[in-house]
Amino acid sequence: QVQLVESGGGLVQAGGSLRLSCAASGSIFSINSMGWYRQAPGKQRELVATLTRVGNINYADSVKGRFTISRDNAKNMVYLQMNSLKPEDTAVYYCRVVTIQTYWGQGTQVTVSS
């Protein structure tokens, strides 16, 4: 089993920044990818950014140029630096880790006020 714990969410004004962190622990043998997804009220969960083991990065078009994903392999952590936040970025943000299975964190709320 893999446990994921997210932190760093909160309330911020439009134009502000937040940094999300996700710590993975447990039976981690080989992480293929780590990433962030989000789900706004009444909407489906969507990809925000992913980072593969070999360093390939994928961003949603809506966050390109504003968000940056990074990871610390030694600590099994993944980060999401979010700049120039917009009200439409308001959502619950989930960390996802893919090994031979897919694991999700419990989510952290990000609220951007206008």
PDB file of N, CA and C in Angstrom:
ATOM      1  N   GLN A   1       0.823  -1.205   0.000  1.00  0.00           N
ATOM      2  CA  GLN A   1       0.000   0.000   0.000  1.00  0.00           C
ATOM      3  C   GLN A   1       0.860   1.258   0.000  1.00  0.00           C
ATOM      4  N   VAL A   2       0.336   2.296  -0.637  1.00  0.00           N
ATOM      5  CA  VAL A   2       0.996   3.600  -0.689  1.00  0.00           C
ATOM      6  C   VAL A   2       0.062   4.620  -0.072  1.00  0.00           C
ATOM      7  N   GLN A   3       0.599   5.432   0.784  1.00  0.00           N
ATOM      8  CA  GLN A   3      -0.175   6.509   1.393  1.00  0.00           C
ATOM      9  C   GLN A   3       0.313   7.844   0.841  1.00  0.00           C
ATOM     10  N   LEU A   4      -0.633   8.713   0.543  1.00  0.00           N
ATOM     11  CA  LEU A   4      -0.317  10.038   0.017  1.00  0.00           C
ATOM     12  C   LEU A   4      -0.920  11.083   0.945  1.00  0.00           C
ATOM     13  N   VAL A   5      -0.113  12.057   1.296  1.00  0.00           N
ATOM     14  CA  VAL A   5      -0.583  13.142   2.151  1.00  0.00           C
ATOM     15  C   VAL A   5      -0.274  14.462   1.470  1.00  0.00           C
ATOM     16  N   GLU A   6      -1.317  15.204   1.167  1.00  0.00           N
ATOM     17  CA  GLU A   6      -1.167  16.506   0.515  1.00  0.00           C
ATOM     18  C   GLU A   6      -1.203  17.612   1.551  1.00  0.00           C
ATOM     19  N   SER A   7      -0.570  18.704   1.215  1.00  0.00           N
ATOM     20  CA  SER A   7      -0.607  19.890   2.064  1.00  0.00           C
ATOM     21  C   SER A   7      -0.384  21.114   1.199  1.00  0.00           C
ATOM     22  N   GLY A   8      -0.691  22.276   1.756  1.00  0.00           N
ATOM     23  CA  GLY A   8      -0.400  23.523   1.081  1.00  0.00           C
ATOM     24  C   GLY A   8      -1.591  24.249   0.498  1.00  0.00           C
ATOM     25  N   GLY A   9      -2.761  23.654   0.553  1.00  0.00           N
ATOM     26  CA  GLY A   9      -3.936  24.350   0.039  1.00  0.00           C
ATOM     27  C   GLY A   9      -4.348  25.498   0.936  1.00  0.00           C
ATOM     28  N   GLY A  10      -5.315  26.272   0.475  1.00  0.00           N
ATOM     29  CA  GLY A  10      -5.790  27.379   1.278  1.00  0.00           C
ATOM     30  C   GLY A  10      -6.557  28.383   0.458  1.00  0.00           C
ATOM     31  N   LEU A  11      -6.746  29.543   1.053  1.00  0.00           N
ATOM     32  CA  LEU A  11      -7.469  30.640   0.417  1.00  0.00           C
ATOM     33  C   LEU A  11      -6.472  31.710  -0.004  1.00  0.00           C
ATOM     34  N   VAL A  12      -6.578  32.138  -1.245  1.00  0.00           N
ATOM     35  CA  VAL A  12      -5.666  33.146  -1.762  1.00  0.00           C
ATOM     36  C   VAL A  12      -6.430  34.064  -2.703  1.00  0.00           C
ATOM     37  N   GLN A  13      -5.984  35.294  -2.811  1.00  0.00           N
ATOM     38  CA  GLN A  13      -6.608  36.231  -3.747  1.00  0.00           C
ATOM     39  C   GLN A  13      -6.122  35.963  -5.161  1.00  0.00           C
ATOM     40  N   ALA A  14      -6.919  36.355  -6.118  1.00  0.00           N
ATOM     41  CA  ALA A  14      -6.529  36.224  -7.515  1.00  0.00           C
ATOM     42  C   ALA A  14      -5.190  36.918  -7.746  1.00  0.00           C
ATOM     43  N   GLY A  15      -4.330  36.240  -8.506  1.00  0.00           N
ATOM     44  CA  GLY A  15      -2.997  36.754  -8.750  1.00  0.00           C
ATOM     45  C   GLY A  15      -1.955  36.247  -7.765  1.00  0.00           C
ATOM     46  N   GLY A  16      -2.419  35.619  -6.711  1.00  0.00           N
ATOM     47  CA  GLY A  16      -1.508  35.106  -5.699  1.00  0.00           C
ATOM     48  C   GLY A  16      -0.926  33.752  -6.056  1.00  0.00           C
ATOM     49  N   SER A  17      -0.176  33.201  -5.103  1.00  0.00           N
ATOM     50  CA  SER A  17       0.524  31.933  -5.318  1.00  0.00           C
ATOM     51  C   SER A  17       0.292  30.984  -4.156  1.00  0.00           C
ATOM     52  N   LEU A  18       0.356  29.711  -4.479  1.00  0.00           N
ATOM     53  CA  LEU A  18       0.339  28.649  -3.478  1.00  0.00           C
ATOM     54  C   LEU A  18       1.273  27.541  -3.950  1.00  0.00           C
ATOM     55  N   ARG A  19       1.779  26.795  -2.999  1.00  0.00           N
ATOM     56  CA  ARG A  19       2.594  25.636  -3.327  1.00  0.00           C
ATOM     57  C   ARG A  19       2.009  24.411  -2.643  1.00  0.00           C
ATOM     58  N   LEU A  20       1.634  23.441  -3.435  1.00  0.00           N
ATOM     59  CA  LEU A  20       1.108  22.187  -2.910  1.00  0.00           C
ATOM     60  C   LEU A  20       2.234  21.159  -2.807  1.00  0.00           C
ATOM     61  N   SER A  21       2.147  20.350  -1.765  1.00  0.00           N
ATOM     62  CA  SER A  21       3.114  19.271  -1.573  1.00  0.00           C
ATOM     63  C   SER A  21       2.372  17.959  -1.386  1.00  0.00           C
ATOM     64  N   CYS A  22       2.984  16.891  -1.833  1.00  0.00           N
ATOM     65  CA  CYS A  22       2.416  15.559  -1.657  1.00  0.00           C
ATOM     66  C   CYS A  22       3.543  14.622  -1.266  1.00  0.00           C
ATOM     67  N   ALA A  23       3.377  13.987  -0.114  1.00  0.00           N
ATOM     68  CA  ALA A  23       4.376  13.036   0.377  1.00  0.00           C
ATOM     69  C   ALA A  23       3.840  11.626   0.209  1.00  0.00           C
ATOM     70  N   ALA A  24       4.622  10.794  -0.447  1.00  0.00           N
ATOM     71  CA  ALA A  24       4.250   9.399  -0.648  1.00  0.00           C
ATOM     72  C   ALA A  24       5.044   8.515   0.300  1.00  0.00           C
ATOM     73  N   SER A  25       4.362   7.577   0.928  1.00  0.00           N
ATOM     74  CA  SER A  25       5.031   6.646   1.837  1.00  0.00           C
ATOM     75  C   SER A  25       4.386   5.280   1.718  1.00  0.00           C
ATOM     76  N   GLY A  26       5.085   4.274   2.250  1.00  0.00           N
ATOM     77  CA  GLY A  26       4.547   2.922   2.201  1.00  0.00           C
ATOM     78  C   GLY A  26       5.354   2.040   1.280  1.00  0.00           C
ATOM     79  N   SER A  27       4.668   1.137   0.626  1.00  0.00           N
ATOM     80  CA  SER A  27       5.329   0.136  -0.214  1.00  0.00           C
ATOM     81  C   SER A  27       5.588   0.707  -1.604  1.00  0.00           C
ATOM     82  N   ILE A  28       6.588   1.569  -1.650  1.00  0.00           N
ATOM     83  CA  ILE A  28       6.919   2.224  -2.912  1.00  0.00           C
ATOM     84  C   ILE A  28       8.126   1.527  -3.510  1.00  0.00           C
ATOM     85  N   PHE A  29       7.921   0.835  -4.590  1.00  0.00           N
ATOM     86  CA  PHE A  29       9.023   0.138  -5.231  1.00  0.00           C
ATOM     87  C   PHE A  29       9.469   0.842  -6.496  1.00  0.00           C
ATOM     88  N   SER A  30       8.522   1.295  -7.263  1.00  0.00           N
ATOM     89  CA  SER A  30       8.870   1.985  -8.495  1.00  0.00           C
ATOM     90  C   SER A  30       7.727   2.904  -8.881  1.00  0.00           C
ATOM     91  N   ILE A  31       7.982   4.174  -8.771  1.00  0.00           N
ATOM     92  CA  ILE A  31       6.968   5.153  -9.147  1.00  0.00           C
ATOM     93  C   ILE A  31       7.129   5.473 -10.623  1.00  0.00           C
ATOM     94  N   ASN A  32       6.093   5.235 -11.382  1.00  0.00           N
ATOM     95  CA  ASN A  32       6.131   5.541 -12.814  1.00  0.00           C
ATOM     96  C   ASN A  32       5.803   7.003 -13.087  1.00  0.00           C
ATOM     97  N   SER A  33       4.861   7.541 -12.333  1.00  0.00           N
ATOM     98  CA  SER A  33       4.535   8.948 -12.510  1.00  0.00           C
ATOM     99  C   SER A  33       3.903   9.494 -11.238  1.00  0.00           C
ATOM    100  N   MET A  34       4.034  10.783 -11.072  1.00  0.00           N
ATOM    101  CA  MET A  34       3.395  11.509  -9.981  1.00  0.00           C
ATOM    102  C   MET A  34       2.728  12.717 -10.597  1.00  0.00           C
ATOM    103  N   GLY A  35       1.623  13.121 -10.018  1.00  0.00           N
ATOM    104  CA  GLY A  35       0.948  14.251 -10.629  1.00  0.00           C
ATOM    105  C   GLY A  35      -0.157  14.824  -9.784  1.00  0.00           C
ATOM    106  N   TRP A  36      -0.775  15.839 -10.347  1.00  0.00           N
ATOM    107  CA  TRP A  36      -1.855  16.548  -9.678  1.00  0.00           C
ATOM    108  C   TRP A  36      -3.080  16.616 -10.581  1.00  0.00           C
ATOM    109  N   TYR A  37      -4.215  16.406  -9.962  1.00  0.00           N
ATOM    110  CA  TYR A  37      -5.512  16.545 -10.618  1.00  0.00           C
ATOM    111  C   TYR A  37      -6.355  17.473  -9.754  1.00  0.00           C
ATOM    112  N   ARG A  38      -7.439  17.966 -10.317  1.00  0.00           N
ATOM    113  CA  ARG A  38      -8.324  18.820  -9.530  1.00  0.00           C
ATOM    114  C   ARG A  38      -9.770  18.575  -9.914  1.00  0.00           C
ATOM    115  N   GLN A  39     -10.637  18.881  -8.968  1.00  0.00           N
ATOM    116  CA  GLN A  39     -12.061  18.724  -9.207  1.00  0.00           C
ATOM    117  C   GLN A  39     -12.788  19.905  -8.594  1.00  0.00           C
ATOM    118  N   ALA A  40     -13.432  20.666  -9.466  1.00  0.00           N
ATOM    119  CA  ALA A  40     -14.245  21.796  -9.030  1.00  0.00           C
ATOM    120  C   ALA A  40     -15.672  21.314  -8.788  1.00  0.00           C
ATOM    121  N   PRO A  41     -16.438  22.046  -7.991  1.00  0.00           N
ATOM    122  CA  PRO A  41     -17.816  21.631  -7.719  1.00  0.00           C
ATOM    123  C   PRO A  41     -18.621  21.460  -9.000  1.00  0.00           C
ATOM    124  N   GLY A  42     -19.281  20.331  -9.120  1.00  0.00           N
ATOM    125  CA  GLY A  42     -20.120  20.071 -10.279  1.00  0.00           C
ATOM    126  C   GLY A  42     -19.376  19.685 -11.538  1.00  0.00           C
ATOM    127  N   LYS A  43     -18.063  19.521 -11.431  1.00  0.00           N
ATOM    128  CA  LYS A  43     -17.262  19.173 -12.609  1.00  0.00           C
ATOM    129  C   LYS A  43     -16.518  17.869 -12.381  1.00  0.00           C
ATOM    130  N   GLN A  44     -16.049  17.304 -13.483  1.00  0.00           N
ATOM    131  CA  GLN A  44     -15.272  16.080 -13.395  1.00  0.00           C
ATOM    132  C   GLN A  44     -13.843  16.387 -12.975  1.00  0.00           C
ATOM    133  N   ARG A  45     -13.214  15.395 -12.395  1.00  0.00           N
ATOM    134  CA  ARG A  45     -11.812  15.543 -12.035  1.00  0.00           C
ATOM    135  C   ARG A  45     -10.994  15.663 -13.327  1.00  0.00           C
ATOM    136  N   GLU A  46     -10.037  16.584 -13.315  1.00  0.00           N
ATOM    137  CA  GLU A  46      -9.240  16.822 -14.510  1.00  0.00           C
ATOM    138  C   GLU A  46      -7.758  16.870 -14.181  1.00  0.00           C
ATOM    139  N   LEU A  47      -6.963  16.546 -15.181  1.00  0.00           N
ATOM    140  CA  LEU A  47      -5.526  16.597 -15.030  1.00  0.00           C
ATOM    141  C   LEU A  47      -5.056  18.038 -14.913  1.00  0.00           C
ATOM    142  N   VAL A  48      -4.123  18.259 -13.997  1.00  0.00           N
ATOM    143  CA  VAL A  48      -3.462  19.553 -13.896  1.00  0.00           C
ATOM    144  C   VAL A  48      -2.036  19.435 -14.428  1.00  0.00           C
ATOM    145  N   ALA A  49      -1.283  18.498 -13.875  1.00  0.00           N
ATOM    146  CA  ALA A  49       0.104  18.314 -14.306  1.00  0.00           C
ATOM    147  C   ALA A  49       0.587  16.940 -13.874  1.00  0.00           C
ATOM    148  N   THR A  50       1.398  16.329 -14.723  1.00  0.00           N
ATOM    149  CA  THR A  50       2.000  15.046 -14.373  1.00  0.00           C
ATOM    150  C   THR A  50       3.474  15.058 -14.726  1.00  0.00           C
ATOM    151  N   LEU A  51       4.226  14.234 -14.014  1.00  0.00           N
ATOM    152  CA  LEU A  51       5.666  14.140 -14.213  1.00  0.00           C
ATOM    153  C   LEU A  51       6.039  12.665 -14.144  1.00  0.00           C
ATOM    154  N   THR A  52       6.605  12.152 -15.218  1.00  0.00           N
ATOM    155  CA  THR A  52       6.940  10.734 -15.251  1.00  0.00           C
ATOM    156  C   THR A  52       8.320  10.483 -14.667  1.00  0.00           C
ATOM    157  N   ARG A  53       8.601   9.204 -14.470  1.00  0.00           N
ATOM    158  CA  ARG A  53       9.887   8.798 -13.892  1.00  0.00           C
ATOM    159  C   ARG A  53      11.044   9.267 -14.747  1.00  0.00           C
ATOM    160  N   VAL A  54      10.850   9.318 -16.060  1.00  0.00           N
ATOM    161  CA  VAL A  54      11.951   9.723 -16.942  1.00  0.00           C
ATOM    162  C   VAL A  54      11.956  11.222 -17.203  1.00  0.00           C
ATOM    163  N   GLY A  55      11.056  11.941 -16.540  1.00  0.00           N
ATOM    164  CA  GLY A  55      11.106  13.391 -16.620  1.00  0.00           C
ATOM    165  C   GLY A  55      10.167  14.043 -17.603  1.00  0.00           C
ATOM    166  N   ASN A  56       9.282  13.267 -18.216  1.00  0.00           N
ATOM    167  CA  ASN A  56       8.305  13.888 -19.121  1.00  0.00           C
ATOM    168  C   ASN A  56       7.237  14.618 -18.310  1.00  0.00           C
ATOM    169  N   ILE A  57       6.928  15.826 -18.718  1.00  0.00           N
ATOM    170  CA  ILE A  57       5.967  16.657 -18.011  1.00  0.00           C
ATOM    171  C   ILE A  57       4.804  16.993 -18.932  1.00  0.00           C
ATOM    172  N   ASN A  58       3.619  16.939 -18.364  1.00  0.00           N
ATOM    173  CA  ASN A  58       2.421  17.287 -19.107  1.00  0.00           C
ATOM    174  C   ASN A  58       1.589  18.246 -18.264  1.00  0.00           C
ATOM    175  N   TYR A  59       1.172  19.353 -18.860  1.00  0.00           N
ATOM    176  CA  TYR A  59       0.323  20.324 -18.177  1.00  0.00           C
ATOM    177  C   TYR A  59      -1.004  20.480 -18.912  1.00  0.00           C
ATOM    178  N   ALA A  60      -2.031  20.759 -18.150  1.00  0.00           N
ATOM    179  CA  ALA A  60      -3.295  21.171 -18.763  1.00  0.00           C
ATOM    180  C   ALA A  60      -3.071  22.525 -19.418  1.00  0.00           C
ATOM    181  N   ASP A  61      -3.721  22.755 -20.551  1.00  0.00           N
ATOM    182  CA  ASP A  61      -3.544  24.035 -21.247  1.00  0.00           C
ATOM    183  C   ASP A  61      -3.896  25.218 -20.350  1.00  0.00           C
ATOM    184  N   SER A  62      -4.853  25.033 -19.487  1.00  0.00           N
ATOM    185  CA  SER A  62      -5.333  26.131 -18.653  1.00  0.00           C
ATOM    186  C   SER A  62      -4.314  26.581 -17.601  1.00  0.00           C
ATOM    187  N   VAL A  63      -3.300  25.761 -17.338  1.00  0.00           N
ATOM    188  CA  VAL A  63      -2.329  26.129 -16.296  1.00  0.00           C
ATOM    189  C   VAL A  63      -0.923  26.347 -16.858  1.00  0.00           C
ATOM    190  N   LYS A  64      -0.729  26.094 -18.133  1.00  0.00           N
ATOM    191  CA  LYS A  64       0.601  26.269 -18.719  1.00  0.00           C
ATOM    192  C   LYS A  64       1.085  27.700 -18.526  1.00  0.00           C
ATOM    193  N   GLY A  65       2.347  27.801 -18.112  1.00  0.00           N
ATOM    194  CA  GLY A  65       2.937  29.110 -17.890  1.00  0.00           C
ATOM    195  C   GLY A  65       2.665  29.678 -16.509  1.00  0.00           C
ATOM    196  N   ARG A  66       1.764  29.042 -15.765  1.00  0.00           N
ATOM    197  CA  ARG A  66       1.450  29.539 -14.423  1.00  0.00           C
ATOM    198  C   ARG A  66       1.809  28.521 -13.340  1.00  0.00           C
ATOM    199  N   PHE A  67       1.656  27.249 -13.644  1.00  0.00           N
ATOM    200  CA  PHE A  67       1.927  26.186 -12.667  1.00  0.00           C
ATOM    201  C   PHE A  67       3.203  25.448 -13.051  1.00  0.00           C
ATOM    202  N   THR A  68       3.914  24.968 -12.038  1.00  0.00           N
ATOM    203  CA  THR A  68       5.119  24.179 -12.259  1.00  0.00           C
ATOM    204  C   THR A  68       5.103  22.961 -11.352  1.00  0.00           C
ATOM    205  N   ILE A  69       5.265  21.797 -11.953  1.00  0.00           N
ATOM    206  CA  ILE A  69       5.340  20.558 -11.181  1.00  0.00           C
ATOM    207  C   ILE A  69       6.794  20.157 -11.019  1.00  0.00           C
ATOM    208  N   SER A  70       7.120  19.632  -9.862  1.00  0.00           N
ATOM    209  CA  SER A  70       8.477  19.150  -9.613  1.00  0.00           C
ATOM    210  C   SER A  70       8.404  18.003  -8.606  1.00  0.00           C
ATOM    211  N   ARG A  71       9.490  17.267  -8.498  1.00  0.00           N
ATOM    212  CA  ARG A  71       9.501  16.157  -7.552  1.00  0.00           C
ATOM    213  C   ARG A  71      10.871  16.017  -6.913  1.00  0.00           C
ATOM    214  N   ASP A  72      10.860  15.434  -5.749  1.00  0.00           N
ATOM    215  CA  ASP A  72      12.078  15.098  -5.038  1.00  0.00           C
ATOM    216  C   ASP A  72      12.081  13.578  -4.927  1.00  0.00           C
ATOM    217  N   ASN A  73      12.867  12.929  -5.766  1.00  0.00           N
ATOM    218  CA  ASN A  73      12.856  11.469  -5.813  1.00  0.00           C
ATOM    219  C   ASN A  73      13.336  10.852  -4.504  1.00  0.00           C
ATOM    220  N   ALA A  74      14.303  11.479  -3.896  1.00  0.00           N
ATOM    221  CA  ALA A  74      14.856  10.920  -2.660  1.00  0.00           C
ATOM    222  C   ALA A  74      13.820  10.910  -1.540  1.00  0.00           C
ATOM    223  N   LYS A  75      12.919  11.888  -1.561  1.00  0.00           N
ATOM    224  CA  LYS A  75      11.910  12.003  -0.510  1.00  0.00           C
ATOM    225  C   LYS A  75      10.551  11.493  -0.940  1.00  0.00           C
ATOM    226  N   ASN A  76      10.446  11.033  -2.176  1.00  0.00           N
ATOM    227  CA  ASN A  76       9.153  10.595  -2.719  1.00  0.00           C
ATOM    228  C   ASN A  76       8.093  11.674  -2.552  1.00  0.00           C
ATOM    229  N   MET A  77       8.457  12.870  -2.959  1.00  0.00           N
ATOM    230  CA  MET A  77       7.528  13.986  -2.864  1.00  0.00           C
ATOM    231  C   MET A  77       7.333  14.626  -4.231  1.00  0.00           C
ATOM    232  N   VAL A  78       6.159  15.176  -4.428  1.00  0.00           N
ATOM    233  CA  VAL A  78       5.859  15.930  -5.632  1.00  0.00           C
ATOM    234  C   VAL A  78       5.240  17.256  -5.213  1.00  0.00           C
ATOM    235  N   TYR A  79       5.580  18.297  -5.958  1.00  0.00           N
ATOM    236  CA  TYR A  79       5.143  19.649  -5.624  1.00  0.00           C
ATOM    237  C   TYR A  79       4.404  20.261  -6.814  1.00  0.00           C
ATOM    238  N   LEU A  80       3.563  21.218  -6.502  1.00  0.00           N
ATOM    239  CA  LEU A  80       2.907  22.004  -7.543  1.00  0.00           C
ATOM    240  C   LEU A  80       2.973  23.461  -7.128  1.00  0.00           C
ATOM    241  N   GLN A  81       3.807  24.207  -7.810  1.00  0.00           N
ATOM    242  CA  GLN A  81       3.891  25.646  -7.581  1.00  0.00           C
ATOM    243  C   GLN A  81       2.856  26.314  -8.466  1.00  0.00           C
ATOM    244  N   MET A  82       1.954  27.043  -7.859  1.00  0.00           N
ATOM    245  CA  MET A  82       0.859  27.676  -8.594  1.00  0.00           C
ATOM    246  C   MET A  82       0.983  29.187  -8.456  1.00  0.00           C
ATOM    247  N   ASN A  83       1.222  29.847  -9.570  1.00  0.00           N
ATOM    248  CA  ASN A  83       1.344  31.303  -9.600  1.00  0.00           C
ATOM    249  C   ASN A  83       0.214  31.907 -10.421  1.00  0.00           C
ATOM    250  N   SER A  84       0.032  33.192 -10.256  1.00  0.00           N
ATOM    251  CA  SER A  84      -1.003  33.911 -11.012  1.00  0.00           C
ATOM    252  C   SER A  84      -2.338  33.187 -10.943  1.00  0.00           C
ATOM    253  N   LEU A  85      -2.722  32.829  -9.750  1.00  0.00           N
ATOM    254  CA  LEU A  85      -3.945  32.047  -9.570  1.00  0.00           C
ATOM    255  C   LEU A  85      -5.176  32.841  -9.982  1.00  0.00           C
ATOM    256  N   LYS A  86      -6.141  32.108 -10.518  1.00  0.00           N
ATOM    257  CA  LYS A  86      -7.386  32.692 -10.983  1.00  0.00           C
ATOM    258  C   LYS A  86      -8.557  32.055 -10.213  1.00  0.00           C
ATOM    259  N   PRO A  87      -9.680  32.743 -10.135  1.00  0.00           N
ATOM    260  CA  PRO A  87     -10.840  32.142  -9.461  1.00  0.00           C
ATOM    261  C   PRO A  87     -11.227  30.785 -10.046  1.00  0.00           C
ATOM    262  N   GLU A  88     -11.017  30.615 -11.340  1.00  0.00           N
ATOM    263  CA  GLU A  88     -11.368  29.338 -11.965  1.00  0.00           C
ATOM    264  C   GLU A  88     -10.414  28.209 -11.585  1.00  0.00           C
ATOM    265  N   ASP A  89      -9.358  28.513 -10.863  1.00  0.00           N
ATOM    266  CA  ASP A  89      -8.476  27.466 -10.339  1.00  0.00           C
ATOM    267  C   ASP A  89      -9.019  26.874  -9.038  1.00  0.00           C
ATOM    268  N   THR A  90     -10.083  27.452  -8.524  1.00  0.00           N
ATOM    269  CA  THR A  90     -10.682  26.945  -7.291  1.00  0.00           C
ATOM    270  C   THR A  90     -11.158  25.514  -7.478  1.00  0.00           C
ATOM    271  N   ALA A  91     -10.674  24.636  -6.614  1.00  0.00           N
ATOM    272  CA  ALA A  91     -11.008  23.217  -6.721  1.00  0.00           C
ATOM    273  C   ALA A  91     -10.365  22.471  -5.565  1.00  0.00           C
ATOM    274  N   VAL A  92     -10.722  21.205  -5.448  1.00  0.00           N
ATOM    275  CA  VAL A  92      -9.976  20.299  -4.584  1.00  0.00           C
ATOM    276  C   VAL A  92      -8.883  19.677  -5.438  1.00  0.00           C
ATOM    277  N   TYR A  93      -7.661  19.777  -4.971  1.00  0.00           N
ATOM    278  CA  TYR A  93      -6.520  19.271  -5.715  1.00  0.00           C
ATOM    279  C   TYR A  93      -6.074  17.936  -5.117  1.00  0.00           C
ATOM    280  N   TYR A  94      -5.898  16.963  -6.003  1.00  0.00           N
ATOM    281  CA  TYR A  94      -5.546  15.619  -5.584  1.00  0.00           C
ATOM    282  C   TYR A  94      -4.180  15.227  -6.135  1.00  0.00           C
ATOM    283  N   CYS A  95      -3.405  14.616  -5.308  1.00  0.00           N
ATOM    284  CA  CYS A  95      -2.147  14.026  -5.724  1.00  0.00           C
ATOM    285  C   CYS A  95      -2.416  12.612  -6.221  1.00  0.00           C
ATOM    286  N   ARG A  96      -1.749  12.222  -7.293  1.00  0.00           N
ATOM    287  CA  ARG A  96      -1.875  10.866  -7.811  1.00  0.00           C
ATOM    288  C   ARG A  96      -0.492  10.284  -8.060  1.00  0.00           C
ATOM    289  N   VAL A  97      -0.315   9.064  -7.629  1.00  0.00           N
ATOM    290  CA  VAL A  97       0.941   8.349  -7.849  1.00  0.00           C
ATOM    291  C   VAL A  97       0.621   7.027  -8.537  1.00  0.00           C
ATOM    292  N   VAL A  98       1.395   6.737  -9.568  1.00  0.00           N
ATOM    293  CA  VAL A  98       1.192   5.492 -10.317  1.00  0.00           C
ATOM    294  C   VAL A  98       2.426   4.620 -10.176  1.00  0.00           C
ATOM    295  N   THR A  99       2.222   3.451  -9.603  1.00  0.00           N
ATOM    296  CA  THR A  99       3.266   2.438  -9.586  1.00  0.00           C
ATOM    297  C   THR A  99       2.747   1.308 -10.464  1.00  0.00           C
ATOM    298  N   ILE A 100       2.576   0.120  -9.913  1.00  0.00           N
ATOM    299  CA  ILE A 100       1.838  -0.911 -10.643  1.00  0.00           C
ATOM    300  C   ILE A 100       0.346  -0.728 -10.378  1.00  0.00           C
ATOM    301  N   GLN A 101       0.028   0.128  -9.456  1.00  0.00           N
ATOM    302  CA  GLN A 101      -1.334   0.542  -9.155  1.00  0.00           C
ATOM    303  C   GLN A 101      -1.382   2.062  -9.141  1.00  0.00           C
ATOM    304  N   THR A 102      -2.597   2.573  -9.066  1.00  0.00           N
ATOM    305  CA  THR A 102      -2.791   4.022  -9.000  1.00  0.00           C
ATOM    306  C   THR A 102      -3.312   4.385  -7.617  1.00  0.00           C
ATOM    307  N   TYR A 103      -2.690   5.383  -7.012  1.00  0.00           N
ATOM    308  CA  TYR A 103      -3.058   5.834  -5.675  1.00  0.00           C
ATOM    309  C   TYR A 103      -3.423   7.312  -5.715  1.00  0.00           C
ATOM    310  N   TRP A 104      -4.402   7.658  -4.892  1.00  0.00           N
ATOM    311  CA  TRP A 104      -4.868   9.043  -4.795  1.00  0.00           C
ATOM    312  C   TRP A 104      -4.750   9.533  -3.362  1.00  0.00           C
ATOM    313  N   GLY A 105      -4.432  10.812  -3.215  1.00  0.00           N
ATOM    314  CA  GLY A 105      -4.467  11.438  -1.920  1.00  0.00           C
ATOM    315  C   GLY A 105      -5.884  11.829  -1.555  1.00  0.00           C
ATOM    316  N   GLN A 106      -6.022  12.408  -0.372  1.00  0.00           N
ATOM    317  CA  GLN A 106      -7.349  12.750   0.130  1.00  0.00           C
ATOM    318  C   GLN A 106      -7.837  14.091  -0.420  1.00  0.00           C
ATOM    319  N   GLY A 107      -6.936  14.849  -0.999  1.00  0.00           N
ATOM    320  CA  GLY A 107      -7.306  16.128  -1.576  1.00  0.00           C
ATOM    321  C   GLY A 107      -7.049  17.295  -0.651  1.00  0.00           C
ATOM    322  N   THR A 108      -6.754  18.427  -1.238  1.00  0.00           N
ATOM    323  CA  THR A 108      -6.567  19.657  -0.482  1.00  0.00           C
ATOM    324  C   THR A 108      -7.296  20.782  -1.213  1.00  0.00           C
ATOM    325  N   GLN A 109      -8.024  21.580  -0.464  1.00  0.00           N
ATOM    326  CA  GLN A 109      -8.864  22.622  -1.057  1.00  0.00           C
ATOM    327  C   GLN A 109      -8.023  23.846  -1.413  1.00  0.00           C
ATOM    328  N   VAL A 110      -8.209  24.320  -2.622  1.00  0.00           N
ATOM    329  CA  VAL A 110      -7.626  25.588  -3.063  1.00  0.00           C
ATOM    330  C   VAL A 110      -8.780  26.501  -3.456  1.00  0.00           C
ATOM    331  N   THR A 111      -8.839  27.650  -2.828  1.00  0.00           N
ATOM    332  CA  THR A 111      -9.890  28.626  -3.115  1.00  0.00           C
ATOM    333  C   THR A 111      -9.240  29.942  -3.504  1.00  0.00           C
ATOM    334  N   VAL A 112      -9.600  30.440  -4.683  1.00  0.00           N
ATOM    335  CA  VAL A 112      -9.049  31.690  -5.184  1.00  0.00           C
ATOM    336  C   VAL A 112     -10.179  32.699  -5.245  1.00  0.00           C
ATOM    337  N   SER A 113     -10.043  33.770  -4.498  1.00  0.00           N
ATOM    338  CA  SER A 113     -11.084  34.796  -4.468  1.00  0.00           C
ATOM    339  C   SER A 113     -10.784  35.885  -5.487  1.00  0.00           C
ATOM    340  N   SER A 114     -11.839  36.457  -6.010  1.00  0.00           N
ATOM    341  CA  SER A 114     -11.671  37.502  -7.040  1.00  0.00           C
ATOM    342  C   SER A 114     -11.563  38.882  -6.407  1.00  0.00           C
TER     343      SER A 114
END
